[in-house]
Amino acid sequence: MISRLPLISLISITILFLSTTVNAQTQNTFTGWSAVFFTYKLNDKFSLHFDGQARSSDELKNLQSYIIRPGLNYHIKDNMIATVGYAYIGNNRSVMDIDGWIPEHRIWEQFIFNQKFKLADRPVTLQHRFRLEQRFMGQATIDQNELVTDNYEFAQRLRYFARSIFPLSKTDNFTKGAFLALQNEVFFNVQNAPNDNFFDQNRAYLALGWRLTPKFDLEAGYMNQYVLGKNNNTVNNIVQVAAYVRL
């Protein structure tokens, strides 16, 4: 047990510490994210995945980006899932005071492995997620006083995500009630790094949630996103609200 939940805590604390000490040229931002994660079971082997997200600019001024990400899941075993999918990301960009929406297209593959165990008389699942993304990133240019997509640059990125939910009440089967969610995700550039570095970013997250039914969760929490840039780094302080639907 000591090697499971505390593993996420250790990773998160370490990255949070590094994110405040790595580089003096670091800007701090405050944003809001909202997300919905949806799974629909087709049969014993296949299910549909969808997540949609909206993210604000600094100080919640306007919509900065949105994500639409469908996928097809193949359930290898009860605790193993392989997924292939597509993602569309709209990014609100500004060049020479001209604003516009620049797209990014992604193809992605992922593998999920779930570990189940008991902790303090509560059922806990530790999820490991490995995702590889092929990114086609739109490059902005100004044409007739409008911001448009000039071409696309290709890159690949690897992501490792660990998440666990801890019920606040003792129970043998967690179907309803309050919980704590703890997660961390680290990103690595494996081809054509946009920031010229292998390390891309890290996201550490702590949330309080409520399982309304076995099929529906709501949660709200704080995320610390550390992004390594070409010239400047960013520590993004995020308030996130998320819903999880499993049908």
C-alpha atoms as a PDB file:
ATOM      1  CA  MET A   1       0.000   0.000   0.000  1.00  0.00           C
ATOM      2  CA  ILE A   2       2.841   2.378   0.833  1.00  0.00           C
ATOM      3  CA  SER A   3       4.069   2.104  -2.760  1.00  0.00           C
ATOM      4  CA  ARG A   4       0.780   3.049  -4.411  1.00  0.00           C
ATOM      5  CA  LEU A   5      -1.098   6.167  -3.316  1.00  0.00           C
ATOM      6  CA  PRO A   6       1.989   7.814  -1.796  1.00  0.00           C
ATOM      7  CA  LEU A   7       3.735   7.245  -5.141  1.00  0.00           C
ATOM      8  CA  ILE A   8       1.417   9.803  -6.758  1.00  0.00           C
ATOM      9  CA  SER A   9       1.904  12.157  -3.804  1.00  0.00           C
ATOM     10  CA  LEU A  10       5.686  11.877  -4.041  1.00  0.00           C
ATOM     11  CA  ILE A  11       5.702  12.558  -7.787  1.00  0.00           C
ATOM     12  CA  SER A  12       3.358  15.527  -7.380  1.00  0.00           C
ATOM     13  CA  ILE A  13       5.273  17.108  -4.498  1.00  0.00           C
ATOM     14  CA  THR A  14       8.607  16.640  -6.275  1.00  0.00           C
ATOM     15  CA  ILE A  15       7.397  18.243  -9.501  1.00  0.00           C
ATOM     16  CA  LEU A  16       5.707  21.074  -7.605  1.00  0.00           C
ATOM     17  CA  PHE A  17       8.990  21.788  -5.823  1.00  0.00           C
ATOM     18  CA  LEU A  18      10.983  21.672  -9.047  1.00  0.00           C
ATOM     19  CA  SER A  19       8.485  23.892 -10.833  1.00  0.00           C
ATOM     20  CA  THR A  20       9.166  26.725  -8.405  1.00  0.00           C
ATOM     21  CA  THR A  21      12.942  26.414  -8.499  1.00  0.00           C
ATOM     22  CA  VAL A  22      14.003  25.344 -11.992  1.00  0.00           C
ATOM     23  CA  ASN A  23      14.137  28.747 -13.673  1.00  0.00           C
ATOM     24  CA  ALA A  24      13.861  32.335 -12.480  1.00  0.00           C
ATOM     25  CA  GLN A  25      12.170  33.281 -15.776  1.00  0.00           C
ATOM     26  CA  THR A  26       8.851  31.792 -14.761  1.00  0.00           C
ATOM     27  CA  GLN A  27       5.463  33.442 -15.131  1.00  0.00           C
ATOM     28  CA  ASN A  28       2.485  32.595 -12.932  1.00  0.00           C
ATOM     29  CA  THR A  29      -1.057  32.465 -14.275  1.00  0.00           C
ATOM     30  CA  PHE A  30      -4.515  31.716 -12.857  1.00  0.00           C
ATOM     31  CA  THR A  31      -7.062  29.960 -15.067  1.00  0.00           C
ATOM     32  CA  GLY A  32     -10.225  27.869 -14.945  1.00  0.00           C
ATOM     33  CA  TRP A  33     -10.780  24.515 -16.652  1.00  0.00           C
ATOM     34  CA  SER A  34     -13.988  22.530 -17.081  1.00  0.00           C
ATOM     35  CA  ALA A  35     -14.239  18.984 -18.414  1.00  0.00           C
ATOM     36  CA  VAL A  36     -16.636  16.122 -19.011  1.00  0.00           C
ATOM     37  CA  PHE A  37     -15.426  12.524 -19.434  1.00  0.00           C
ATOM     38  CA  PHE A  38     -17.871  10.050 -20.953  1.00  0.00           C
ATOM     39  CA  THR A  39     -17.701   6.280 -21.483  1.00  0.00           C
ATOM     40  CA  TYR A  40     -20.431   4.265 -23.199  1.00  0.00           C
ATOM     41  CA  LYS A  41     -20.217   0.468 -23.137  1.00  0.00           C
ATOM     42  CA  LEU A  42     -21.036  -1.235 -26.448  1.00  0.00           C
ATOM     43  CA  ASN A  43     -20.416  -4.838 -25.350  1.00  0.00           C
ATOM     44  CA  ASP A  44     -18.025  -6.825 -23.160  1.00  0.00           C
ATOM     45  CA  LYS A  45     -15.010  -5.869 -25.285  1.00  0.00           C
ATOM     46  CA  PHE A  46     -15.694  -2.425 -26.753  1.00  0.00           C
ATOM     47  CA  SER A  47     -16.773   0.966 -25.437  1.00  0.00           C
ATOM     48  CA  LEU A  48     -16.801   4.551 -26.679  1.00  0.00           C
ATOM     49  CA  HIS A  49     -14.728   7.296 -25.090  1.00  0.00           C
ATOM     50  CA  PHE A  50     -15.384  11.025 -25.269  1.00  0.00           C
ATOM     51  CA  ASP A  51     -14.053  13.975 -23.362  1.00  0.00           C
ATOM     52  CA  GLY A  52     -14.698  17.644 -23.934  1.00  0.00           C
ATOM     53  CA  GLN A  53     -12.860  20.466 -22.203  1.00  0.00           C
ATOM     54  CA  ALA A  54     -12.906  24.265 -22.062  1.00  0.00           C
ATOM     55  CA  ARG A  55     -10.016  26.313 -20.663  1.00  0.00           C
ATOM     56  CA  SER A  56      -9.847  30.005 -19.870  1.00  0.00           C
ATOM     57  CA  SER A  57      -7.082  32.528 -20.380  1.00  0.00           C
ATOM     58  CA  ASP A  58      -5.221  34.129 -17.474  1.00  0.00           C
ATOM     59  CA  GLU A  59      -7.494  35.572 -14.759  1.00  0.00           C
ATOM     60  CA  LEU A  60     -10.533  33.893 -16.365  1.00  0.00           C
ATOM     61  CA  LYS A  61     -10.866  36.682 -18.947  1.00  0.00           C
ATOM     62  CA  ASN A  62     -12.015  34.643 -21.951  1.00  0.00           C
ATOM     63  CA  LEU A  63     -11.964  31.215 -23.573  1.00  0.00           C
ATOM     64  CA  GLN A  64      -8.374  30.272 -24.382  1.00  0.00           C
ATOM     65  CA  SER A  65      -8.804  26.758 -25.774  1.00  0.00           C
ATOM     66  CA  TYR A  66     -11.209  23.859 -26.112  1.00  0.00           C
ATOM     67  CA  ILE A  67     -10.746  20.141 -26.731  1.00  0.00           C
ATOM     68  CA  ILE A  68     -13.002  17.573 -28.410  1.00  0.00           C
ATOM     69  CA  ARG A  69     -11.568  14.063 -28.013  1.00  0.00           C
ATOM     70  CA  PRO A  70     -13.441  10.902 -29.110  1.00  0.00           C
ATOM     71  CA  GLY A  71     -11.971   7.399 -28.987  1.00  0.00           C
ATOM     72  CA  LEU A  72     -12.690   3.677 -29.202  1.00  0.00           C
ATOM     73  CA  ASN A  73     -11.805   1.471 -26.221  1.00  0.00           C
ATOM     74  CA  TYR A  74     -10.902  -2.209 -26.384  1.00  0.00           C
ATOM     75  CA  HIS A  75     -11.158  -3.974 -23.015  1.00  0.00           C
ATOM     76  CA  ILE A  76      -8.307  -6.486 -22.975  1.00  0.00           C
ATOM     77  CA  LYS A  77      -9.101  -7.592 -19.425  1.00  0.00           C
ATOM     78  CA  ASP A  78     -11.162  -6.207 -16.564  1.00  0.00           C
ATOM     79  CA  ASN A  79      -8.222  -4.004 -15.577  1.00  0.00           C
ATOM     80  CA  MET A  80      -6.637  -3.321 -18.986  1.00  0.00           C
ATOM     81  CA  ILE A  81      -7.951  -1.034 -21.739  1.00  0.00           C
ATOM     82  CA  ALA A  82      -6.412  -0.046 -25.079  1.00  0.00           C
ATOM     83  CA  THR A  83      -7.719   3.024 -26.912  1.00  0.00           C
ATOM     84  CA  VAL A  84      -7.266   4.769 -30.247  1.00  0.00           C
ATOM     85  CA  GLY A  85      -8.740   8.178 -30.926  1.00  0.00           C
ATOM     86  CA  TYR A  86      -8.693  11.636 -32.470  1.00  0.00           C
ATOM     87  CA  ALA A  87      -8.625  15.058 -30.845  1.00  0.00           C
ATOM     88  CA  TYR A  88      -9.407  18.540 -32.104  1.00  0.00           C
ATOM     89  CA  ILE A  89      -7.994  21.459 -30.141  1.00  0.00           C
ATOM     90  CA  GLY A  90      -8.967  25.043 -30.814  1.00  0.00           C
ATOM     91  CA  ASN A  91      -6.434  27.595 -29.536  1.00  0.00           C
ATOM     92  CA  ASN A  92      -7.132  31.315 -29.229  1.00  0.00           C
ATOM     93  CA  ARG A  93      -3.919  32.958 -30.464  1.00  0.00           C
ATOM     94  CA  SER A  94      -2.758  36.554 -30.823  1.00  0.00           C
ATOM     95  CA  VAL A  95      -0.111  37.808 -33.270  1.00  0.00           C
ATOM     96  CA  MET A  96       0.655  41.535 -33.479  1.00  0.00           C
ATOM     97  CA  ASP A  97      -2.613  42.288 -31.629  1.00  0.00           C
ATOM     98  CA  ILE A  98      -4.644  40.266 -34.121  1.00  0.00           C
ATOM     99  CA  ASP A  99      -6.622  37.434 -32.525  1.00  0.00           C
ATOM    100  CA  GLY A 100      -7.847  34.217 -34.087  1.00  0.00           C
ATOM    101  CA  TRP A 101      -8.480  30.524 -33.574  1.00  0.00           C
ATOM    102  CA  ILE A 102      -5.690  28.189 -34.663  1.00  0.00           C
ATOM    103  CA  PRO A 103      -6.366  24.425 -34.677  1.00  0.00           C
ATOM    104  CA  GLU A 104      -4.360  21.418 -33.601  1.00  0.00           C
ATOM    105  CA  HIS A 105      -5.258  17.898 -34.746  1.00  0.00           C
ATOM    106  CA  ARG A 106      -4.125  14.814 -32.833  1.00  0.00           C
ATOM    107  CA  ILE A 107      -4.180  11.084 -33.331  1.00  0.00           C
ATOM    108  CA  TRP A 108      -3.634   9.268 -30.062  1.00  0.00           C
ATOM    109  CA  GLU A 109      -3.148   5.767 -28.704  1.00  0.00           C
ATOM    110  CA  GLN A 110      -3.257   4.805 -25.056  1.00  0.00           C
ATOM    111  CA  PHE A 111      -3.087   1.900 -22.625  1.00  0.00           C
ATOM    112  CA  ILE A 112      -4.741   1.901 -19.187  1.00  0.00           C
ATOM    113  CA  PHE A 113      -3.850  -0.462 -16.365  1.00  0.00           C
ATOM    114  CA  ASN A 114      -5.890  -0.401 -13.137  1.00  0.00           C
ATOM    115  CA  GLN A 115      -4.710  -1.704  -9.766  1.00  0.00           C
ATOM    116  CA  LYS A 116      -7.331  -2.372  -7.085  1.00  0.00           C
ATOM    117  CA  PHE A 117      -6.559  -2.653  -3.384  1.00  0.00           C
ATOM    118  CA  LYS A 118      -7.844  -1.781   0.100  1.00  0.00           C
ATOM    119  CA  LEU A 119      -6.588   1.235   2.042  1.00  0.00           C
ATOM    120  CA  ALA A 120      -7.961   2.098   5.511  1.00  0.00           C
ATOM    121  CA  ASP A 121     -10.949  -0.225   4.920  1.00  0.00           C
ATOM    122  CA  ARG A 122     -11.812   1.532   1.673  1.00  0.00           C
ATOM    123  CA  PRO A 123     -11.692   0.217  -1.923  1.00  0.00           C
ATOM    124  CA  VAL A 124      -9.119   2.141  -3.955  1.00  0.00           C
ATOM    125  CA  THR A 125      -8.215   1.956  -7.639  1.00  0.00           C
ATOM    126  CA  LEU A 126      -4.882   3.271  -8.884  1.00  0.00           C
ATOM    127  CA  GLN A 127      -5.059   3.975 -12.614  1.00  0.00           C
ATOM    128  CA  HIS A 128      -1.945   4.095 -14.798  1.00  0.00           C
ATOM    129  CA  ARG A 129      -2.443   5.631 -18.253  1.00  0.00           C
ATOM    130  CA  PHE A 130       0.158   5.754 -21.019  1.00  0.00           C
ATOM    131  CA  ARG A 131      -0.763   7.923 -24.022  1.00  0.00           C
ATOM    132  CA  LEU A 132       1.147   8.597 -27.249  1.00  0.00           C
ATOM    133  CA  GLU A 133       0.038  11.582 -29.327  1.00  0.00           C
ATOM    134  CA  GLN A 134       0.765  12.468 -32.939  1.00  0.00           C
ATOM    135  CA  ARG A 135       0.305  16.235 -33.021  1.00  0.00           C
ATOM    136  CA  PHE A 136      -0.403  18.335 -36.122  1.00  0.00           C
ATOM    137  CA  MET A 137      -0.054  21.874 -34.783  1.00  0.00           C
ATOM    138  CA  GLY A 138      -1.387  24.765 -36.821  1.00  0.00           C
ATOM    139  CA  GLN A 139       1.024  27.657 -37.374  1.00  0.00           C
ATOM    140  CA  ALA A 140      -0.470  31.142 -37.328  1.00  0.00           C
ATOM    141  CA  THR A 141       0.081  33.847 -39.928  1.00  0.00           C
ATOM    142  CA  ILE A 142      -1.613  37.142 -40.767  1.00  0.00           C
ATOM    143  CA  ASP A 143      -3.510  37.321 -44.064  1.00  0.00           C
ATOM    144  CA  GLN A 144      -5.560  40.410 -44.969  1.00  0.00           C
ATOM    145  CA  ASN A 145      -5.577  41.525 -41.336  1.00  0.00           C
ATOM    146  CA  GLU A 146      -6.885  38.159 -40.150  1.00  0.00           C
ATOM    147  CA  LEU A 147      -5.127  35.412 -38.209  1.00  0.00           C
ATOM    148  CA  VAL A 148      -5.204  32.192 -40.232  1.00  0.00           C
ATOM    149  CA  THR A 149      -3.491  28.805 -40.291  1.00  0.00           C
ATOM    150  CA  ASP A 150      -0.488  28.848 -42.605  1.00  0.00           C
ATOM    151  CA  ASN A 151       0.700  25.241 -42.265  1.00  0.00           C
ATOM    152  CA  TYR A 152       1.036  22.418 -39.751  1.00  0.00           C
ATOM    153  CA  GLU A 153       4.059  21.203 -37.813  1.00  0.00           C
ATOM    154  CA  PHE A 154       4.266  17.579 -36.674  1.00  0.00           C
ATOM    155  CA  ALA A 155       5.418  16.378 -33.255  1.00  0.00           C
ATOM    156  CA  GLN A 156       4.953  13.351 -31.012  1.00  0.00           C
ATOM    157  CA  ARG A 157       4.430  13.407 -27.273  1.00  0.00           C
ATOM    158  CA  LEU A 158       4.277  10.711 -24.585  1.00  0.00           C
ATOM    159  CA  ARG A 159       2.153  11.159 -21.455  1.00  0.00           C
ATOM    160  CA  TYR A 160       2.064   9.158 -18.226  1.00  0.00           C
ATOM    161  CA  PHE A 161      -0.944   9.693 -15.964  1.00  0.00           C
ATOM    162  CA  ALA A 162      -1.618   8.237 -12.502  1.00  0.00           C
ATOM    163  CA  ARG A 163      -4.889   8.802 -10.654  1.00  0.00           C
ATOM    164  CA  SER A 164      -6.577   7.413  -7.572  1.00  0.00           C
ATOM    165  CA  ILE A 165      -9.879   8.010  -5.790  1.00  0.00           C
ATOM    166  CA  PHE A 166     -10.087   7.608  -2.005  1.00  0.00           C
ATOM    167  CA  PRO A 167     -13.621   7.302  -0.507  1.00  0.00           C
ATOM    168  CA  LEU A 168     -14.054   9.433   2.609  1.00  0.00           C
ATOM    169  CA  SER A 169     -16.337   6.859   4.266  1.00  0.00           C
ATOM    170  CA  LYS A 170     -15.509   3.251   5.032  1.00  0.00           C
ATOM    171  CA  THR A 171     -17.229   0.933   2.576  1.00  0.00           C
ATOM    172  CA  ASP A 172     -16.754  -2.405   0.856  1.00  0.00           C
ATOM    173  CA  ASN A 173     -18.153  -1.210  -2.471  1.00  0.00           C
ATOM    174  CA  PHE A 174     -17.935   2.495  -3.289  1.00  0.00           C
ATOM    175  CA  THR A 175     -21.131   3.370  -5.176  1.00  0.00           C
ATOM    176  CA  LYS A 176     -22.094   6.705  -3.600  1.00  0.00           C
ATOM    177  CA  GLY A 177     -20.552   9.401  -1.431  1.00  0.00           C
ATOM    178  CA  ALA A 178     -17.698  11.862  -1.087  1.00  0.00           C
ATOM    179  CA  PHE A 179     -14.136  11.142  -2.198  1.00  0.00           C
ATOM    180  CA  LEU A 180     -10.704  12.657  -2.632  1.00  0.00           C
ATOM    181  CA  ALA A 181      -9.065  12.448  -6.059  1.00  0.00           C
ATOM    182  CA  LEU A 182      -5.297  12.641  -6.433  1.00  0.00           C
ATOM    183  CA  GLN A 183      -3.545  12.548  -9.791  1.00  0.00           C
ATOM    184  CA  ASN A 184      -0.372  13.500 -11.616  1.00  0.00           C
ATOM    185  CA  GLU A 185       0.470  13.563 -15.318  1.00  0.00           C
ATOM    186  CA  VAL A 186       3.882  14.133 -16.862  1.00  0.00           C
ATOM    187  CA  PHE A 187       4.470  14.916 -20.564  1.00  0.00           C
ATOM    188  CA  PHE A 188       7.568  14.107 -22.644  1.00  0.00           C
ATOM    189  CA  ASN A 189       8.372  15.241 -26.184  1.00  0.00           C
ATOM    190  CA  VAL A 190       9.636  12.256 -28.166  1.00  0.00           C
ATOM    191  CA  GLN A 191       9.812  13.809 -31.663  1.00  0.00           C
ATOM    192  CA  ASN A 192      10.181  17.407 -32.913  1.00  0.00           C
ATOM    193  CA  ALA A 193       9.861  19.011 -29.475  1.00  0.00           C
ATOM    194  CA  PRO A 194       8.138  22.423 -29.779  1.00  0.00           C
ATOM    195  CA  ASN A 195      10.144  23.696 -26.781  1.00  0.00           C
ATOM    196  CA  ASP A 196      13.415  21.998 -27.859  1.00  0.00           C
ATOM    197  CA  ASN A 197      13.342  19.870 -24.686  1.00  0.00           C
ATOM    198  CA  PHE A 198      12.483  16.275 -23.846  1.00  0.00           C
ATOM    199  CA  PHE A 199      10.424  17.392 -20.839  1.00  0.00           C
ATOM    200  CA  ASP A 200       7.251  19.237 -21.800  1.00  0.00           C
ATOM    201  CA  GLN A 201       5.053  19.761 -18.742  1.00  0.00           C
ATOM    202  CA  ASN A 202       3.606  18.312 -15.546  1.00  0.00           C
ATOM    203  CA  ARG A 203       0.114  18.513 -14.043  1.00  0.00           C
ATOM    204  CA  ALA A 204      -0.484  17.763 -10.362  1.00  0.00           C
ATOM    205  CA  TYR A 205      -4.102  17.744  -9.166  1.00  0.00           C
ATOM    206  CA  LEU A 206      -6.055  17.368  -5.924  1.00  0.00           C
ATOM    207  CA  ALA A 207      -9.859  17.418  -5.873  1.00  0.00           C
ATOM    208  CA  LEU A 208     -12.891  16.816  -3.690  1.00  0.00           C
ATOM    209  CA  GLY A 209     -15.678  14.916  -5.406  1.00  0.00           C
ATOM    210  CA  TRP A 210     -19.042  13.296  -4.959  1.00  0.00           C
ATOM    211  CA  ARG A 211     -20.213  10.038  -6.505  1.00  0.00           C
ATOM    212  CA  LEU A 212     -23.930  10.611  -7.023  1.00  0.00           C
ATOM    213  CA  THR A 213     -24.525   7.166  -8.535  1.00  0.00           C
ATOM    214  CA  PRO A 214     -22.241   4.310  -9.630  1.00  0.00           C
ATOM    215  CA  LYS A 215     -22.320   5.915 -13.092  1.00  0.00           C
ATOM    216  CA  PHE A 216     -21.840   9.609 -12.315  1.00  0.00           C
ATOM    217  CA  ASP A 217     -19.147  11.603 -10.466  1.00  0.00           C
ATOM    218  CA  LEU A 218     -18.674  15.335  -9.951  1.00  0.00           C
ATOM    219  CA  GLU A 219     -15.480  16.901  -8.629  1.00  0.00           C
ATOM    220  CA  ALA A 220     -13.747  20.235  -8.185  1.00  0.00           C
ATOM    221  CA  GLY A 221     -10.144  20.873  -7.290  1.00  0.00           C
ATOM    222  CA  TYR A 222      -6.817  22.619  -7.776  1.00  0.00           C
ATOM    223  CA  MET A 223      -4.318  21.758 -10.504  1.00  0.00           C
ATOM    224  CA  ASN A 224      -0.730  22.976 -10.708  1.00  0.00           C
ATOM    225  CA  GLN A 225       0.498  22.914 -14.304  1.00  0.00           C
ATOM    226  CA  TYR A 226       4.200  23.496 -14.906  1.00  0.00           C
ATOM    227  CA  VAL A 227       5.067  24.112 -18.576  1.00  0.00           C
ATOM    228  CA  LEU A 228       8.654  24.263 -19.823  1.00  0.00           C
ATOM    229  CA  GLY A 229       8.849  26.777 -22.663  1.00  0.00           C
ATOM    230  CA  LYS A 230      11.573  27.705 -25.140  1.00  0.00           C
ATOM    231  CA  ASN A 231      12.373  30.975 -23.395  1.00  0.00           C
ATOM    232  CA  ASN A 232      10.030  31.257 -20.416  1.00  0.00           C
ATOM    233  CA  ASN A 233       8.395  28.706 -18.156  1.00  0.00           C
ATOM    234  CA  THR A 234       4.846  28.887 -16.832  1.00  0.00           C
ATOM    235  CA  VAL A 235       3.263  27.838 -13.556  1.00  0.00           C
ATOM    236  CA  ASN A 236      -0.469  27.749 -14.199  1.00  0.00           C
ATOM    237  CA  ASN A 237      -2.707  27.697 -11.111  1.00  0.00           C
ATOM    238  CA  ILE A 238      -5.945  26.077 -12.220  1.00  0.00           C
ATOM    239  CA  VAL A 239      -9.373  25.661 -10.662  1.00  0.00           C
ATOM    240  CA  GLN A 240     -10.958  22.663 -12.393  1.00  0.00           C
ATOM    241  CA  VAL A 241     -14.507  21.321 -12.367  1.00  0.00           C
ATOM    242  CA  ALA A 242     -15.093  17.905 -13.947  1.00  0.00           C
ATOM    243  CA  ALA A 243     -17.884  15.395 -14.490  1.00  0.00           C
ATOM    244  CA  TYR A 244     -17.461  11.662 -15.168  1.00  0.00           C
ATOM    245  CA  VAL A 245     -20.230   9.654 -16.830  1.00  0.00           C
ATOM    246  CA  ARG A 246     -20.096   5.864 -17.268  1.00  0.00           C
ATOM    247  CA  LEU A 247     -22.934   4.194 -19.186  1.00  0.00           C
END
